[in-house]
Protein backbone atom coordinates (compact mmCIF):
# COMPACT_ATOMS: atom_id res chain seq x y z
CA MET A 1 -76.37 -80.33 7.21
CA PRO A 2 -76.87 -79.47 10.92
CA MET A 3 -80.08 -77.96 12.25
CA SER A 4 -80.06 -74.31 13.36
CA ALA A 5 -81.66 -72.97 16.52
CA ASN A 6 -84.03 -70.95 14.35
CA GLU A 7 -85.21 -74.07 12.52
CA ILE A 8 -85.74 -76.02 15.76
CA THR A 9 -87.64 -73.07 17.26
CA ARG A 10 -89.78 -72.67 14.13
CA LEU A 11 -90.76 -76.34 13.99
CA VAL A 12 -91.62 -76.56 17.68
CA THR A 13 -93.61 -73.31 17.78
CA GLU A 14 -95.55 -74.31 14.65
CA ALA A 15 -96.58 -77.56 16.35
CA LEU A 16 -96.95 -76.08 19.84
CA PRO A 17 -98.20 -72.47 19.51
CA GLY A 18 -97.32 -70.37 22.54
CA ALA A 19 -94.36 -72.54 23.49
CA GLU A 20 -91.36 -70.86 25.10
CA ILE A 21 -88.11 -72.41 23.89
CA GLU A 22 -84.59 -71.95 25.21
CA LEU A 23 -81.83 -73.60 23.19
CA ARG A 24 -78.16 -74.11 24.01
CA ASP A 25 -75.64 -75.48 21.49
CA LEU A 26 -73.75 -78.04 23.58
CA ALA A 27 -70.84 -78.64 21.20
CA GLY A 28 -70.76 -75.51 19.03
CA ASP A 29 -71.66 -77.56 15.96
CA ASP A 30 -75.45 -77.01 15.55
CA ASP A 31 -75.75 -80.78 16.01
CA HIS A 32 -75.95 -81.31 19.79
CA TRP A 33 -78.58 -79.19 21.52
CA ALA A 34 -80.04 -78.73 24.99
CA ALA A 35 -83.60 -77.45 24.86
CA ARG A 36 -86.06 -76.30 27.49
CA VAL A 37 -89.61 -76.17 26.16
CA VAL A 38 -92.47 -74.76 28.21
CA ALA A 39 -95.81 -75.17 26.45
CA PRO A 40 -99.45 -74.93 27.51
CA GLN A 41 -100.13 -78.12 25.52
CA PHE A 42 -98.06 -80.05 28.08
CA ALA A 43 -100.59 -79.51 30.90
CA GLY A 44 -101.76 -82.85 32.26
CA LYS A 45 -99.27 -84.82 30.14
CA SER A 46 -96.51 -87.08 31.44
CA ARG A 47 -92.88 -86.16 30.76
CA VAL A 48 -92.70 -88.97 28.18
CA GLN A 49 -95.79 -87.61 26.40
CA GLN A 50 -94.33 -84.08 26.47
CA HIS A 51 -91.04 -85.25 24.96
CA LYS A 52 -92.90 -87.22 22.26
CA MET A 53 -94.81 -84.05 21.33
CA VAL A 54 -91.50 -82.22 20.81
CA TYR A 55 -89.99 -85.10 18.82
CA ASP A 56 -93.15 -85.25 16.69
CA ALA A 57 -92.82 -81.49 16.07
CA LEU A 58 -89.31 -82.10 14.73
CA GLY A 59 -90.79 -84.38 12.09
CA GLY A 60 -88.41 -87.32 12.25
CA ARG A 61 -85.26 -85.20 12.14
CA MET A 62 -83.90 -86.71 15.38
CA GLY A 63 -80.94 -88.96 14.63
CA GLY A 64 -80.62 -87.42 11.17
CA VAL A 65 -80.02 -83.70 10.71
CA LEU A 66 -80.49 -83.30 14.47
CA HIS A 67 -78.04 -85.69 16.09
CA ALA A 68 -78.71 -85.09 19.80
CA LEU A 69 -81.27 -83.19 21.83
CA GLN A 70 -81.10 -82.98 25.62
CA LEU A 71 -84.70 -82.11 26.39
CA THR A 72 -86.40 -80.55 29.41
CA THR A 73 -90.12 -79.90 29.20
CA ALA A 74 -92.78 -78.35 31.43
CA ALA A 75 -96.23 -76.84 31.39
CA PRO A 76 -96.44 -73.16 32.38
CA ASN A 77 -97.11 -72.48 36.06
């Protein structure tokens, strides 16, 4: 079963309180997403570390119920 925007948002905000998340369904199938995540926890972290934090928040669902995630991350200005 695909992963809804609400579920992705819930998981990420639980792991990264205060995160701002914008999601776009790339294929209209709830399976291929583009996400922009801005979180205070990203301050001082490399892009790789930021992406790992998001993937960790998704709890191993990448490649399973969540097939593809095009990810952009940033710390707030």
